[in-house]
Protein backbone atom coordinates (compact mmCIF):
# COMPACT_ATOMS: atom_id res chain seq x y z
CA MET A 1 43.31 101.98 44.51
CA THR A 2 45.19 98.75 45.11
CA ILE A 3 48.03 98.12 47.57
CA LYS A 4 50.38 97.70 44.58
CA GLN A 5 49.44 101.16 43.27
CA ILE A 6 49.91 102.73 46.70
CA ILE A 7 53.32 101.12 47.19
CA LEU A 8 54.37 102.06 43.66
CA GLY A 9 53.29 105.64 44.30
CA ILE A 10 55.28 105.79 47.53
CA MET A 11 58.34 104.34 45.78
CA LEU A 12 58.01 106.85 42.95
CA VAL A 13 57.67 109.84 45.23
CA GLY A 14 60.48 108.63 47.46
CA GLY A 15 62.72 108.05 44.46
CA LEU A 16 61.98 111.43 42.97
CA PHE A 17 62.59 113.41 46.11
CA LEU A 18 65.13 111.35 48.04
CA SER A 19 67.46 109.35 45.88
CA GLY A 20 66.55 108.98 42.22
CA CYS A 21 66.91 112.41 40.72
CA GLY A 22 68.95 115.52 41.09
CA LYS A 23 69.93 118.59 39.11
CA PRO A 24 70.11 118.27 35.35
CA LYS A 25 73.46 117.02 34.05
CA HIS A 26 73.38 119.80 31.48
CA GLU A 27 71.92 122.73 33.38
CA ASP A 28 71.67 124.84 30.24
CA PHE A 29 69.33 122.24 28.67
CA GLN A 30 65.82 123.59 29.01
CA LYS A 31 62.99 123.39 26.52
CA THR A 32 59.92 125.56 26.84
CA GLU A 33 58.38 124.62 23.51
CA ILE A 34 58.41 120.98 22.44
CA GLU A 35 56.70 118.76 19.92
CA LEU A 36 55.45 115.95 22.12
CA LYS A 37 54.33 112.46 21.14
CA ILE A 38 52.68 110.50 23.95
CA ASN A 39 52.23 106.73 23.85
CA VAL A 40 49.58 105.75 26.43
CA TYR A 41 48.96 102.19 27.58
CA ASP A 42 46.10 100.79 29.65
CA THR A 43 48.36 98.59 31.79
CA GLU A 44 51.95 98.49 32.98
CA GLU A 45 52.33 95.10 31.30
CA GLN A 46 51.40 96.57 27.90
CA LEU A 47 53.88 99.41 28.36
CA GLN A 48 56.66 97.03 29.39
CA ARG A 49 56.22 95.03 26.20
CA GLU A 50 57.30 98.22 24.40
CA VAL A 51 59.97 99.71 26.69
CA GLY A 52 61.19 96.83 28.86
CA ASP A 53 61.18 96.68 32.64
CA LYS A 54 60.21 100.33 33.23
CA ILE A 55 57.15 102.22 34.41
CA GLY A 56 57.66 105.01 31.88
CA GLN A 57 60.17 106.34 29.40
CA ALA A 58 61.09 109.55 27.61
CA ARG A 59 63.29 110.08 24.57
CA TRP A 60 64.44 113.62 23.92
CA SER A 61 67.14 115.39 22.01
CA PRO A 62 69.01 118.54 22.97
CA ASP A 63 69.26 119.32 19.23
CA ASP A 64 65.57 119.70 18.40
CA ASN A 65 62.25 120.32 20.09
CA LYS A 66 60.88 116.80 19.76
CA CYS A 67 60.20 114.38 22.58
CA GLU A 68 58.38 111.08 22.91
CA ILE A 69 57.11 109.56 26.14
CA TRP A 70 55.61 106.19 27.07
CA ILE A 71 53.26 106.07 30.07
CA VAL A 72 50.39 104.12 31.61
CA LYS A 73 47.03 105.88 31.61
CA TRP A 74 46.28 107.71 34.89
CA ASP A 75 49.84 107.32 36.24
CA MET A 76 50.22 111.04 36.71
CA GLU A 77 53.41 110.80 38.77
CA THR A 78 55.28 109.04 35.98
CA ALA A 79 53.69 111.24 33.29
CA GLY A 80 54.99 114.36 35.03
CA HIS A 81 58.40 112.80 35.58
CA GLU A 82 58.77 111.85 31.92
CA LEU A 83 57.52 115.27 30.77
CA HIS A 84 60.23 116.87 32.91
CA HIS A 85 62.81 114.78 31.03
CA CYS A 86 61.45 116.28 27.80
CA MET A 87 61.91 119.78 29.18
CA PHE A 88 65.13 119.39 31.21
CA GLY A 89 66.91 116.31 29.86
CA SER A 90 68.64 113.82 32.10
CA PHE A 91 68.48 114.56 35.83
CA HIS A 92 69.00 111.12 37.38
CA LYS A 93 72.11 110.50 39.45
CA GLU A 94 74.94 108.81 37.59
CA GLN A 95 74.94 105.01 37.75
CA HIS A 96 78.23 103.64 39.14
């Protein structure tokens, strides 16, 4: 594990539990059965060519049971985070 991976992991965990996320904006949005498409990349650079300056991404709809996520292989923190978006929608704090 490299220093970059360790620091990224700390930032991810800190962001998830301290400042980045909160309760879902639409608390009634919850999916227990979804059709999931997962796009997996070997490196963060490959992923960012597809989704921009992000370490993962999820696209979901409250109107159907389909969701698509983009992640880097073996980044389990981001994979779980994006999967939670598929199940619970948007839960990040509002940007001001």
